[in-house]
Amino acid sequence: MKYLLGEKLNFDWRIVTVTIVSTLLLMVDHYHKLTAHKYWDRVLLYLVIPLLITLIFFRENPKEYGFSFGDWKLGLVYTLLGILLMAPVIYFLGRGDPSMQKYYERFLPGLPWTTFLDLIGWEFIFRGWILFAYARKFGHDALWLQAVPFAVAHISKPEIETLSTIFGGFAFGWVAWRTKSFLYPFLIHWFIGTLIILVAAGAV
């Protein structure tokens, strides 16, 4: 209360901008369809707009927000390990949970490019823009902070998936943190997203 009544509040304007803009973009994505396909909406909302804000208003190199190859050798190791670890899990869930099948089988047409476009902006805004902006202020706690909106954004998807996303979001964030790039969590997520659709539709 003392801070509200008597002392000046000092905000980091970049943190405020990233928090407000990312929240509004998630809401716009939920309530509106801006283009012919939802995946193009997500490229625009989650990749193009944050990059423009970074370049024009922040006047910073997007590399500072994980938009680079980073430590590519370590990144490729993590990507391979993530794929090997998640493949049997996804196969089990896709075949064993009817809610996963019902939700994901409709997305089969257009793979793998539809999942590529759907997830590249999605990963940049969480594991790039939000993570590295928050890391300047909050250090390692940014790994959990970016996982919260990521998990909330999964509400309406199958319950078993949504409940896991706070931990999955942290794991993706950790990969980005270690490699200094959003690219490698994106590659893992792209694999997961594509495989779950294929399994749910009975294509593999």
N, C-alpha and C. Protein backbone atom coordinates (compact mmCIF):
# COMPACT_ATOMS: atom_id res chain seq x y z
N MET A 1 0.84 -1.20 0.00
CA MET A 1 0.00 0.00 0.00
C MET A 1 0.87 1.25 0.00
N LYS A 2 1.97 1.20 0.73
CA LYS A 2 2.88 2.34 0.77
C LYS A 2 3.32 2.75 -0.62
N TYR A 3 3.62 1.77 -1.47
CA TYR A 3 4.09 2.08 -2.81
C TYR A 3 2.98 2.72 -3.65
N LEU A 4 1.75 2.30 -3.40
CA LEU A 4 0.64 2.85 -4.16
C LEU A 4 0.31 4.27 -3.75
N LEU A 5 0.47 4.59 -2.46
CA LEU A 5 0.04 5.88 -1.96
C LEU A 5 1.15 6.92 -1.95
N GLY A 6 2.39 6.50 -1.65
CA GLY A 6 3.38 7.52 -1.41
C GLY A 6 4.60 7.54 -2.29
N GLU A 7 4.93 6.43 -2.93
CA GLU A 7 6.17 6.38 -3.68
C GLU A 7 5.90 6.17 -5.16
N LYS A 8 6.83 6.65 -5.95
CA LYS A 8 6.71 6.55 -7.40
C LYS A 8 6.92 5.11 -7.84
N LEU A 9 6.05 4.67 -8.74
CA LEU A 9 6.20 3.33 -9.31
C LEU A 9 7.13 3.42 -10.51
N ASN A 10 8.16 2.59 -10.50
CA ASN A 10 9.12 2.58 -11.59
C ASN A 10 8.99 1.29 -12.38
N PHE A 11 8.50 1.41 -13.60
CA PHE A 11 8.31 0.25 -14.45
C PHE A 11 9.36 0.23 -15.56
N ASP A 12 9.74 -0.97 -15.95
CA ASP A 12 10.58 -1.17 -17.13
C ASP A 12 9.64 -1.14 -18.33
N TRP A 13 9.75 -0.12 -19.16
CA TRP A 13 8.76 0.06 -20.22
C TRP A 13 8.78 -1.06 -21.24
N ARG A 14 9.93 -1.73 -21.41
CA ARG A 14 9.96 -2.87 -22.33
C ARG A 14 9.20 -4.06 -21.76
N ILE A 15 9.35 -4.30 -20.45
CA ILE A 15 8.61 -5.37 -19.80
C ILE A 15 7.11 -5.10 -19.90
N VAL A 16 6.72 -3.86 -19.64
CA VAL A 16 5.30 -3.49 -19.74
C VAL A 16 4.78 -3.70 -21.15
N THR A 17 5.56 -3.26 -22.14
CA THR A 17 5.14 -3.41 -23.53
C THR A 17 4.99 -4.86 -23.92
N VAL A 18 5.98 -5.67 -23.60
CA VAL A 18 5.93 -7.10 -23.95
C VAL A 18 4.74 -7.77 -23.26
N THR A 19 4.50 -7.44 -21.99
CA THR A 19 3.40 -8.05 -21.24
C THR A 19 2.05 -7.68 -21.84
N ILE A 20 1.83 -6.40 -22.07
CA ILE A 20 0.54 -5.95 -22.58
C ILE A 20 0.32 -6.42 -24.01
N VAL A 21 1.31 -6.22 -24.86
CA VAL A 21 1.14 -6.58 -26.27
C VAL A 21 0.95 -8.08 -26.44
N SER A 22 1.75 -8.89 -25.78
CA SER A 22 1.61 -10.34 -25.92
C SER A 22 0.24 -10.81 -25.42
N THR A 23 -0.25 -10.23 -24.33
CA THR A 23 -1.57 -10.59 -23.82
C THR A 23 -2.67 -10.22 -24.81
N LEU A 24 -2.58 -9.02 -25.37
CA LEU A 24 -3.58 -8.59 -26.34
C LEU A 24 -3.54 -9.43 -27.61
N LEU A 25 -2.34 -9.81 -28.04
CA LEU A 25 -2.22 -10.63 -29.24
C LEU A 25 -2.85 -12.00 -29.04
N LEU A 26 -2.68 -12.57 -27.86
CA LEU A 26 -3.32 -13.85 -27.56
C LEU A 26 -4.84 -13.72 -27.58
N MET A 27 -5.34 -12.61 -27.08
CA MET A 27 -6.79 -12.39 -27.07
C MET A 27 -7.34 -12.18 -28.48
N VAL A 28 -6.62 -11.40 -29.28
CA VAL A 28 -7.04 -11.19 -30.67
C VAL A 28 -7.07 -12.52 -31.42
N ASP A 29 -6.05 -13.33 -31.21
CA ASP A 29 -6.00 -14.64 -31.86
C ASP A 29 -7.20 -15.49 -31.47
N HIS A 30 -7.60 -15.41 -30.21
CA HIS A 30 -8.72 -16.21 -29.73
C HIS A 30 -10.06 -15.76 -30.30
N TYR A 31 -10.25 -14.45 -30.39
CA TYR A 31 -11.57 -13.93 -30.75
C TYR A 31 -11.76 -13.62 -32.23
N HIS A 32 -10.67 -13.51 -32.99
CA HIS A 32 -10.80 -13.06 -34.37
C HIS A 32 -10.05 -13.94 -35.35
N LYS A 33 -10.55 -13.98 -36.57
CA LYS A 33 -9.85 -14.61 -37.68
C LYS A 33 -9.49 -13.51 -38.66
N LEU A 34 -8.20 -13.26 -38.84
CA LEU A 34 -7.74 -12.11 -39.60
C LEU A 34 -7.45 -12.43 -41.06
N THR A 35 -7.10 -13.68 -41.33
CA THR A 35 -6.77 -14.10 -42.69
C THR A 35 -7.57 -15.34 -43.03
N ALA A 36 -7.31 -15.90 -44.21
CA ALA A 36 -8.06 -17.08 -44.65
C ALA A 36 -7.75 -18.30 -43.80
N HIS A 37 -6.56 -18.33 -43.20
CA HIS A 37 -6.15 -19.48 -42.41
C HIS A 37 -5.57 -19.03 -41.08
N LYS A 38 -5.92 -19.74 -40.03
CA LYS A 38 -5.49 -19.36 -38.69
C LYS A 38 -3.98 -19.35 -38.54
N TYR A 39 -3.30 -20.24 -39.26
CA TYR A 39 -1.85 -20.27 -39.12
C TYR A 39 -1.19 -19.01 -39.66
N TRP A 40 -1.77 -18.38 -40.67
CA TRP A 40 -1.24 -17.09 -41.14
C TRP A 40 -1.49 -16.01 -40.12
N ASP A 41 -2.63 -16.07 -39.43
CA ASP A 41 -2.88 -15.13 -38.34
C ASP A 41 -1.76 -15.19 -37.32
N ARG A 42 -1.32 -16.40 -37.00
CA ARG A 42 -0.32 -16.58 -35.94
C ARG A 42 1.06 -16.15 -36.39
N VAL A 43 1.35 -16.28 -37.67
CA VAL A 43 2.60 -15.72 -38.18
C VAL A 43 2.60 -14.21 -38.00
N LEU A 44 1.48 -13.58 -38.35
CA LEU A 44 1.36 -12.13 -38.24
C LEU A 44 1.39 -11.68 -36.78
N LEU A 45 0.57 -12.30 -35.95
CA LEU A 45 0.41 -11.85 -34.57
C LEU A 45 1.63 -12.15 -33.70
N TYR A 46 2.18 -13.33 -33.85
CA TYR A 46 3.20 -13.79 -32.90
C TYR A 46 4.63 -13.68 -33.41
N LEU A 47 4.80 -13.44 -34.70
CA LEU A 47 6.15 -13.30 -35.24
C LEU A 47 6.37 -11.91 -35.82
N VAL A 48 5.53 -11.50 -36.76
CA VAL A 48 5.75 -10.23 -37.46
C VAL A 48 5.59 -9.04 -36.52
N ILE A 49 4.51 -8.98 -35.78
CA ILE A 49 4.27 -7.82 -34.91
C ILE A 49 5.33 -7.69 -33.82
N PRO A 50 5.67 -8.76 -33.08
CA PRO A 50 6.75 -8.60 -32.09
C PRO A 50 8.09 -8.20 -32.72
N LEU A 51 8.40 -8.72 -33.89
CA LEU A 51 9.65 -8.34 -34.55
C LEU A 51 9.64 -6.86 -34.93
N LEU A 52 8.51 -6.37 -35.43
CA LEU A 52 8.41 -4.95 -35.79
C LEU A 52 8.54 -4.06 -34.56
N ILE A 53 7.91 -4.45 -33.48
CA ILE A 53 8.02 -3.67 -32.24
C ILE A 53 9.46 -3.65 -31.76
N THR A 54 10.12 -4.79 -31.84
CA THR A 54 11.52 -4.88 -31.41
C THR A 54 12.41 -3.96 -32.24
N LEU A 55 12.20 -3.95 -33.55
CA LEU A 55 13.04 -3.15 -34.44
C LEU A 55 12.71 -1.67 -34.39
N ILE A 56 11.42 -1.34 -34.40
CA ILE A 56 11.00 0.06 -34.56
C ILE A 56 10.93 0.79 -33.23
N PHE A 57 10.33 0.16 -32.21
CA PHE A 57 10.12 0.85 -30.94
C PHE A 57 11.23 0.58 -29.92
N PHE A 58 11.65 -0.68 -29.84
CA PHE A 58 12.74 -0.98 -28.91
C PHE A 58 14.10 -0.58 -29.48
N ARG A 59 14.17 -0.53 -30.83
CA ARG A 59 15.42 -0.26 -31.54
C ARG A 59 16.53 -1.23 -31.10
N GLU A 60 16.16 -2.49 -31.09
CA GLU A 60 17.08 -3.54 -30.70
C GLU A 60 17.19 -4.59 -31.79
N ASN A 61 18.27 -5.35 -31.72
CA ASN A 61 18.46 -6.47 -32.63
C ASN A 61 17.61 -7.64 -32.15
N PRO A 62 16.78 -8.23 -33.01
CA PRO A 62 15.97 -9.38 -32.60
C PRO A 62 16.78 -10.53 -32.02
N LYS A 63 18.07 -10.55 -32.30
CA LYS A 63 18.95 -11.57 -31.73
C LYS A 63 18.90 -11.54 -30.21
N GLU A 64 18.67 -10.34 -29.64
CA GLU A 64 18.59 -10.22 -28.19
C GLU A 64 17.36 -10.92 -27.61
N TYR A 65 16.44 -11.28 -28.49
CA TYR A 65 15.22 -11.97 -28.08
C TYR A 65 15.17 -13.39 -28.64
N GLY A 66 16.35 -13.95 -28.87
CA GLY A 66 16.42 -15.35 -29.29
C GLY A 66 16.21 -15.60 -30.76
N PHE A 67 16.15 -14.52 -31.56
CA PHE A 67 15.94 -14.68 -33.00
C PHE A 67 17.30 -14.86 -33.67
N SER A 68 17.88 -16.04 -33.47
CA SER A 68 19.19 -16.35 -34.03
C SER A 68 19.38 -17.86 -33.95
N PHE A 69 20.50 -18.33 -34.51
CA PHE A 69 20.81 -19.76 -34.39
C PHE A 69 21.41 -20.09 -33.02
N GLY A 70 21.88 -19.10 -32.31
CA GLY A 70 22.43 -19.32 -30.98
C GLY A 70 23.53 -20.37 -30.98
N ASP A 71 23.54 -21.19 -29.95
CA ASP A 71 24.49 -22.29 -29.85
C ASP A 71 23.91 -23.47 -30.64
N TRP A 72 24.17 -23.50 -31.94
CA TRP A 72 23.49 -24.45 -32.82
C TRP A 72 23.88 -25.90 -32.56
N LYS A 73 25.11 -26.13 -32.13
CA LYS A 73 25.52 -27.51 -31.84
C LYS A 73 24.74 -28.06 -30.65
N LEU A 74 24.67 -27.28 -29.57
CA LEU A 74 23.89 -27.70 -28.42
C LEU A 74 22.41 -27.78 -28.78
N GLY A 75 21.96 -26.85 -29.60
CA GLY A 75 20.56 -26.83 -30.03
C GLY A 75 20.17 -28.09 -30.78
N LEU A 76 21.03 -28.55 -31.65
CA LEU A 76 20.73 -29.77 -32.40
C LEU A 76 20.71 -31.00 -31.49
N VAL A 77 21.58 -31.02 -30.49
CA VAL A 77 21.58 -32.12 -29.52
C VAL A 77 20.26 -32.14 -28.75
N TYR A 78 19.84 -30.97 -28.25
CA TYR A 78 18.58 -30.89 -27.52
C TYR A 78 17.39 -31.23 -28.40
N THR A 79 17.44 -30.81 -29.65
CA THR A 79 16.34 -31.12 -30.57
C THR A 79 16.22 -32.62 -30.77
N LEU A 80 17.33 -33.28 -31.01
CA LEU A 80 17.31 -34.72 -31.20
C LEU A 80 16.83 -35.44 -29.94
N LEU A 81 17.33 -35.03 -28.78
CA LEU A 81 16.91 -35.65 -27.53
C LEU A 81 15.42 -35.42 -27.28
N GLY A 82 14.95 -34.21 -27.57
CA GLY A 82 13.53 -33.91 -27.39
C GLY A 82 12.65 -34.76 -28.28
N ILE A 83 13.07 -34.96 -29.51
CA ILE A 83 12.30 -35.78 -30.44
C ILE A 83 12.27 -37.24 -29.98
N LEU A 84 13.43 -37.76 -29.58
CA LEU A 84 13.50 -39.15 -29.13
C LEU A 84 12.69 -39.38 -27.87
N LEU A 85 12.69 -38.39 -26.97
CA LEU A 85 11.96 -38.51 -25.72
C LEU A 85 10.45 -38.42 -25.94
N MET A 86 10.02 -37.49 -26.79
CA MET A 86 8.60 -37.21 -26.94
C MET A 86 7.87 -38.13 -27.92
N ALA A 87 8.59 -38.73 -28.85
CA ALA A 87 7.92 -39.55 -29.87
C ALA A 87 7.07 -40.67 -29.26
N PRO A 88 7.60 -41.49 -28.33
CA PRO A 88 6.74 -42.54 -27.76
C PRO A 88 5.61 -41.98 -26.89
N VAL A 89 5.85 -40.86 -26.22
CA VAL A 89 4.80 -40.25 -25.40
C VAL A 89 3.65 -39.79 -26.29
N ILE A 90 3.98 -39.11 -27.37
CA ILE A 90 2.96 -38.62 -28.29
C ILE A 90 2.21 -39.77 -28.94
N TYR A 91 2.93 -40.81 -29.31
CA TYR A 91 2.28 -41.97 -29.94
C TYR A 91 1.29 -42.62 -28.97
N PHE A 92 1.69 -42.74 -27.73
CA PHE A 92 0.81 -43.34 -26.72
C PHE A 92 -0.44 -42.49 -26.50
N LEU A 93 -0.25 -41.18 -26.34
CA LEU A 93 -1.38 -40.29 -26.08
C LEU A 93 -2.30 -40.20 -27.30
N GLY A 94 -1.70 -40.11 -28.48
CA GLY A 94 -2.50 -39.98 -29.70
C GLY A 94 -3.35 -41.19 -29.98
N ARG A 95 -2.85 -42.36 -29.61
CA ARG A 95 -3.60 -43.59 -29.83
C ARG A 95 -4.52 -43.92 -28.67
N GLY A 96 -4.14 -43.50 -27.46
CA GLY A 96 -4.85 -43.95 -26.27
C GLY A 96 -5.91 -43.02 -25.73
N ASP A 97 -5.88 -41.77 -26.15
CA ASP A 97 -6.82 -40.79 -25.59
C ASP A 97 -7.80 -40.33 -26.67
N PRO A 98 -9.07 -40.71 -26.59
CA PRO A 98 -10.05 -40.33 -27.61
C PRO A 98 -10.20 -38.82 -27.78
N SER A 99 -10.00 -38.06 -26.70
CA SER A 99 -10.13 -36.61 -26.80
C SER A 99 -9.04 -36.02 -27.69
N MET A 100 -7.84 -36.62 -27.65
CA MET A 100 -6.75 -36.18 -28.52
C MET A 100 -7.08 -36.48 -29.97
N GLN A 101 -7.62 -37.67 -30.22
CA GLN A 101 -7.98 -38.05 -31.58
C GLN A 101 -9.07 -37.13 -32.14
N LYS A 102 -10.08 -36.88 -31.33
CA LYS A 102 -11.20 -36.04 -31.77
C LYS A 102 -10.74 -34.62 -32.09
N TYR A 103 -9.84 -34.10 -31.27
CA TYR A 103 -9.40 -32.72 -31.45
C TYR A 103 -8.46 -32.56 -32.63
N TYR A 104 -7.52 -33.49 -32.80
CA TYR A 104 -6.41 -33.26 -33.73
C TYR A 104 -6.57 -33.87 -35.12
N GLU A 105 -7.41 -34.85 -35.31
CA GLU A 105 -7.47 -35.51 -36.60
C GLU A 105 -7.92 -34.58 -37.73
N ARG A 106 -8.64 -33.53 -37.40
CA ARG A 106 -9.13 -32.59 -38.41
C ARG A 106 -8.02 -31.73 -39.02
N PHE A 107 -6.85 -31.71 -38.39
CA PHE A 107 -5.77 -30.86 -38.86
C PHE A 107 -4.81 -31.58 -39.82
N LEU A 108 -5.18 -32.78 -40.25
CA LEU A 108 -4.28 -33.57 -41.10
C LEU A 108 -3.95 -32.90 -42.44
N PRO A 109 -4.91 -32.32 -43.16
CA PRO A 109 -4.57 -31.71 -44.46
C PRO A 109 -3.55 -30.58 -44.33
N GLY A 110 -2.56 -30.62 -45.20
CA GLY A 110 -1.57 -29.54 -45.24
C GLY A 110 -0.31 -29.77 -44.46
N LEU A 111 -0.24 -30.88 -43.70
CA LEU A 111 0.98 -31.15 -42.95
C LEU A 111 2.17 -31.36 -43.89
N PRO A 112 3.38 -31.02 -43.46
CA PRO A 112 3.78 -30.45 -42.16
C PRO A 112 3.83 -28.93 -42.15
N TRP A 113 3.47 -28.30 -43.28
CA TRP A 113 3.66 -26.85 -43.38
C TRP A 113 2.65 -26.07 -42.55
N THR A 114 1.47 -26.64 -42.35
CA THR A 114 0.48 -25.94 -41.52
C THR A 114 0.98 -25.85 -40.08
N THR A 115 1.58 -26.92 -39.57
CA THR A 115 2.10 -26.87 -38.20
C THR A 115 3.35 -25.98 -38.13
N PHE A 116 4.13 -25.96 -39.20
CA PHE A 116 5.29 -25.06 -39.24
C PHE A 116 4.85 -23.61 -39.07
N LEU A 117 3.88 -23.19 -39.87
CA LEU A 117 3.40 -21.81 -39.82
C LEU A 117 2.66 -21.52 -38.52
N ASP A 118 1.94 -22.49 -38.02
CA ASP A 118 1.17 -22.30 -36.80
C ASP A 118 2.08 -22.11 -35.59
N LEU A 119 3.21 -22.79 -35.58
CA LEU A 119 4.03 -22.85 -34.37
C LEU A 119 5.25 -21.93 -34.38
N ILE A 120 5.69 -21.46 -35.54
CA ILE A 120 6.92 -20.67 -35.53
C ILE A 120 6.73 -19.34 -34.81
N GLY A 121 5.60 -18.69 -35.03
CA GLY A 121 5.32 -17.46 -34.30
C GLY A 121 4.98 -17.74 -32.84
N TRP A 122 4.25 -18.82 -32.63
CA TRP A 122 3.87 -19.26 -31.28
C TRP A 122 5.12 -19.44 -30.41
N GLU A 123 6.13 -20.11 -30.96
CA GLU A 123 7.36 -20.32 -30.19
C GLU A 123 8.16 -19.02 -30.02
N PHE A 124 8.15 -18.17 -31.05
CA PHE A 124 8.92 -16.94 -30.91
C PHE A 124 8.35 -16.05 -29.80
N ILE A 125 7.04 -15.92 -29.73
CA ILE A 125 6.50 -14.99 -28.74
C ILE A 125 6.73 -15.49 -27.32
N PHE A 126 6.68 -16.81 -27.09
CA PHE A 126 6.89 -17.34 -25.74
C PHE A 126 8.37 -17.56 -25.44
N ARG A 127 9.05 -18.30 -26.32
CA ARG A 127 10.44 -18.68 -26.05
C ARG A 127 11.46 -17.70 -26.60
N GLY A 128 10.97 -16.65 -27.23
CA GLY A 128 11.86 -15.60 -27.69
C GLY A 128 11.53 -14.28 -27.02
N TRP A 129 10.45 -13.67 -27.46
CA TRP A 129 10.11 -12.32 -27.04
C TRP A 129 9.87 -12.21 -25.54
N ILE A 130 8.95 -13.02 -25.01
CA ILE A 130 8.61 -12.94 -23.59
C ILE A 130 9.78 -13.43 -22.73
N LEU A 131 10.31 -14.59 -23.07
CA LEU A 131 11.36 -15.19 -22.24
C LEU A 131 12.56 -14.27 -22.08
N PHE A 132 13.11 -13.77 -23.18
CA PHE A 132 14.34 -13.01 -23.09
C PHE A 132 14.11 -11.58 -22.59
N ALA A 133 12.91 -11.04 -22.81
CA ALA A 133 12.58 -9.74 -22.21
C ALA A 133 12.50 -9.88 -20.69
N TYR A 134 11.80 -10.91 -20.22
CA TYR A 134 11.65 -11.12 -18.78
C TYR A 134 12.96 -11.51 -18.13
N ALA A 135 13.81 -12.24 -18.86
CA ALA A 135 15.07 -12.70 -18.28
C ALA A 135 15.95 -11.54 -17.85
N ARG A 136 15.88 -10.41 -18.54
CA ARG A 136 16.68 -9.24 -18.17
C ARG A 136 16.31 -8.74 -16.77
N LYS A 137 15.05 -8.87 -16.45
CA LYS A 137 14.55 -8.33 -15.17
C LYS A 137 14.49 -9.40 -14.08
N PHE A 138 14.08 -10.60 -14.47
CA PHE A 138 13.76 -11.63 -13.48
C PHE A 138 14.70 -12.83 -13.49
N GLY A 139 15.69 -12.83 -14.37
CA GLY A 139 16.65 -13.92 -14.40
C GLY A 139 16.00 -15.25 -14.72
N HIS A 140 16.40 -16.30 -13.98
CA HIS A 140 15.90 -17.65 -14.24
C HIS A 140 14.40 -17.78 -14.03
N ASP A 141 13.82 -16.91 -13.21
CA ASP A 141 12.37 -16.97 -12.98
C ASP A 141 11.58 -16.74 -14.27
N ALA A 142 12.21 -16.16 -15.26
CA ALA A 142 11.54 -15.95 -16.54
C ALA A 142 11.11 -17.26 -17.18
N LEU A 143 11.80 -18.35 -16.84
CA LEU A 143 11.44 -19.65 -17.40
C LEU A 143 10.03 -20.06 -16.97
N TRP A 144 9.68 -19.80 -15.72
CA TRP A 144 8.33 -20.11 -15.26
C TRP A 144 7.33 -19.05 -15.69
N LEU A 145 7.77 -17.80 -15.69
CA LEU A 145 6.84 -16.72 -16.05
C LEU A 145 6.32 -16.87 -17.47
N GLN A 146 7.20 -17.22 -18.41
CA GLN A 146 6.73 -17.37 -19.79
C GLN A 146 5.88 -18.63 -19.98
N ALA A 147 6.03 -19.60 -19.07
CA ALA A 147 5.26 -20.84 -19.19
C ALA A 147 3.79 -20.64 -18.80
N VAL A 148 3.51 -19.60 -18.00
CA VAL A 148 2.14 -19.39 -17.53
C VAL A 148 1.19 -18.98 -18.67
N PRO A 149 1.48 -17.91 -19.43
CA PRO A 149 0.57 -17.60 -20.55
C PRO A 149 0.54 -18.70 -21.59
N PHE A 150 1.66 -19.42 -21.76
CA PHE A 150 1.69 -20.55 -22.69
C PHE A 150 0.68 -21.61 -22.27
N ALA A 151 0.65 -21.93 -20.98
CA ALA A 151 -0.30 -22.94 -20.49
C ALA A 151 -1.74 -22.44 -20.60
N VAL A 152 -1.98 -21.19 -20.22
CA VAL A 152 -3.33 -20.64 -20.28
C VAL A 152 -3.85 -20.63 -21.72
N ALA A 153 -2.97 -20.39 -22.68
CA ALA A 153 -3.36 -20.35 -24.09
C ALA A 153 -3.80 -21.71 -24.60
N HIS A 154 -3.52 -22.78 -23.85
CA HIS A 154 -3.93 -24.12 -24.27
C HIS A 154 -5.32 -24.50 -23.79
N ILE A 155 -5.92 -23.67 -22.95
CA ILE A 155 -7.28 -23.98 -22.48
C ILE A 155 -8.21 -24.07 -23.68
N SER A 156 -9.01 -25.10 -23.70
CA SER A 156 -9.93 -25.52 -24.77
C SER A 156 -9.34 -26.68 -25.57
N LYS A 157 -8.03 -26.96 -25.39
CA LYS A 157 -7.46 -28.16 -25.98
C LYS A 157 -7.72 -29.34 -25.03
N PRO A 158 -7.41 -30.58 -25.45
CA PRO A 158 -7.64 -31.73 -24.57
C PRO A 158 -7.00 -31.54 -23.20
N GLU A 159 -7.72 -31.97 -22.16
CA GLU A 159 -7.29 -31.71 -20.79
C GLU A 159 -5.91 -32.26 -20.48
N ILE A 160 -5.64 -33.48 -20.90
CA ILE A 160 -4.36 -34.10 -20.57
C ILE A 160 -3.20 -33.30 -21.15
N GLU A 161 -3.40 -32.71 -22.30
CA GLU A 161 -2.36 -31.86 -22.90
C GLU A 161 -2.23 -30.55 -22.15
N THR A 162 -3.35 -29.92 -21.86
CA THR A 162 -3.34 -28.61 -21.20
C THR A 162 -2.68 -28.69 -19.83
N LEU A 163 -2.97 -29.75 -19.07
CA LEU A 163 -2.39 -29.89 -17.75
C LEU A 163 -0.87 -30.04 -17.78
N SER A 164 -0.35 -30.53 -18.89
CA SER A 164 1.09 -30.75 -18.99
C SER A 164 1.86 -29.52 -19.46
N THR A 165 1.15 -28.50 -19.94
CA THR A 165 1.83 -27.42 -20.65
C THR A 165 2.63 -26.47 -19.76
N ILE A 166 2.29 -26.38 -18.48
CA ILE A 166 3.10 -25.55 -17.59
C ILE A 166 4.51 -26.14 -17.49
N PHE A 167 4.60 -27.46 -17.51
CA PHE A 167 5.90 -28.13 -17.45
C PHE A 167 6.57 -28.16 -18.82
N GLY A 168 5.76 -28.41 -19.86
CA GLY A 168 6.31 -28.38 -21.21
C GLY A 168 6.80 -27.00 -21.59
N GLY A 169 6.05 -25.97 -21.17
CA GLY A 169 6.47 -24.60 -21.44
C GLY A 169 7.78 -24.26 -20.77
N PHE A 170 7.94 -24.75 -19.54
CA PHE A 170 9.22 -24.55 -18.84
C PHE A 170 10.35 -25.26 -19.58
N ALA A 171 10.11 -26.50 -20.02
CA ALA A 171 11.14 -27.26 -20.72
C ALA A 171 11.53 -26.59 -22.03
N PHE A 172 10.55 -26.13 -22.79
CA PHE A 172 10.86 -25.41 -24.02
C PHE A 172 11.66 -24.15 -23.72
N GLY A 173 11.26 -23.46 -22.66
CA GLY A 173 11.97 -22.24 -22.27
C GLY A 173 13.40 -22.53 -21.86
N TRP A 174 13.61 -23.64 -21.18
CA TRP A 174 14.96 -24.01 -20.75
C TRP A 174 15.85 -24.28 -21.96
N VAL A 175 15.31 -24.94 -22.97
CA VAL A 175 16.08 -25.19 -24.20
C VAL A 175 16.45 -23.86 -24.85
N ALA A 176 15.49 -22.95 -24.93
CA ALA A 176 15.77 -21.64 -25.52
C ALA A 176 16.81 -20.88 -24.70
N TRP A 177 16.69 -20.94 -23.40
CA TRP A 177 17.62 -20.26 -22.49
C TRP A 177 19.04 -20.77 -22.69
N ARG A 178 19.18 -22.11 -22.75
CA ARG A 178 20.50 -22.71 -22.86
C ARG A 178 21.14 -22.45 -24.22
N THR A 179 20.32 -22.40 -25.26
CA THR A 179 20.85 -22.23 -26.61
C THR A 179 20.84 -20.79 -27.09
N LYS A 180 20.17 -19.91 -26.32
CA LYS A 180 20.01 -18.50 -26.70
C LYS A 180 19.24 -18.34 -28.01
N SER A 181 18.29 -19.25 -28.24
CA SER A 181 17.53 -19.23 -29.48
C SER A 181 16.18 -19.90 -29.28
N PHE A 182 15.14 -19.34 -29.92
CA PHE A 182 13.83 -19.97 -29.88
C PHE A 182 13.71 -21.08 -30.92
N LEU A 183 14.70 -21.19 -31.81
CA LEU A 183 14.62 -22.11 -32.95
C LEU A 183 14.50 -23.57 -32.51
N TYR A 184 15.24 -23.98 -31.50
CA TYR A 184 15.30 -25.40 -31.14
C TYR A 184 14.04 -25.87 -30.40
N PRO A 185 13.48 -25.08 -29.48
CA PRO A 185 12.16 -25.47 -28.97
C PRO A 185 11.10 -25.47 -30.07
N PHE A 186 11.26 -24.56 -31.05
CA PHE A 186 10.33 -24.58 -32.17
C PHE A 186 10.42 -25.90 -32.93
N LEU A 187 11.63 -26.35 -33.24
CA LEU A 187 11.79 -27.59 -33.99
C LEU A 187 11.20 -28.78 -33.23
N ILE A 188 11.42 -28.82 -31.91
CA ILE A 188 10.84 -29.90 -31.10
C ILE A 188 9.32 -29.81 -31.11
N HIS A 189 8.80 -28.61 -30.94
CA HIS A 189 7.35 -28.40 -30.91
C HIS A 189 6.73 -28.71 -32.26
N TRP A 190 7.43 -28.35 -33.33
CA TRP A 190 6.95 -28.67 -34.69
C TRP A 190 6.83 -30.18 -34.87
N PHE A 191 7.83 -30.89 -34.42
CA PHE A 191 7.78 -32.36 -34.50
C PHE A 191 6.60 -32.89 -33.69
N ILE A 192 6.45 -32.42 -32.45
CA ILE A 192 5.36 -32.90 -31.59
C ILE A 192 4.01 -32.59 -32.22
N GLY A 193 3.83 -31.34 -32.68
CA GLY A 193 2.55 -30.95 -33.25
C GLY A 193 2.19 -31.74 -34.49
N THR A 194 3.17 -32.02 -35.32
CA THR A 194 2.93 -32.78 -36.54
C THR A 194 2.64 -34.24 -36.23
N LEU A 195 3.44 -34.83 -35.33
CA LEU A 195 3.25 -36.24 -35.02
C LEU A 195 1.92 -36.50 -34.34
N ILE A 196 1.48 -35.63 -33.44
CA ILE A 196 0.22 -35.88 -32.75
C ILE A 196 -0.95 -35.88 -33.72
N ILE A 197 -0.89 -35.04 -34.74
CA ILE A 197 -1.94 -35.01 -35.75
C ILE A 197 -1.93 -36.29 -36.57
N LEU A 198 -0.74 -36.71 -36.99
CA LEU A 198 -0.61 -37.94 -37.77
C LEU A 198 -1.11 -39.14 -37.00
N VAL A 199 -0.75 -39.22 -35.73
CA VAL A 199 -1.18 -40.35 -34.90
C VAL A 199 -2.69 -40.31 -34.65
N ALA A 200 -3.20 -39.13 -34.32
CA ALA A 200 -4.62 -38.97 -34.04
C ALA A 200 -5.48 -39.33 -35.26
N ALA A 201 -4.97 -39.02 -36.45
CA ALA A 201 -5.71 -39.31 -37.68
C ALA A 201 -5.48 -40.72 -38.18
N GLY A 202 -4.65 -41.48 -37.49
CA GLY A 202 -4.38 -42.86 -37.89
C GLY A 202 -3.49 -42.96 -39.11
N ALA A 203 -2.70 -41.89 -39.39
CA ALA A 203 -1.84 -41.90 -40.56
C ALA A 203 -0.50 -42.59 -40.30
N VAL A 204 -0.15 -42.81 -39.03
CA VAL A 204 1.07 -43.55 -38.67
C VAL A 204 0.74 -44.57 -37.58
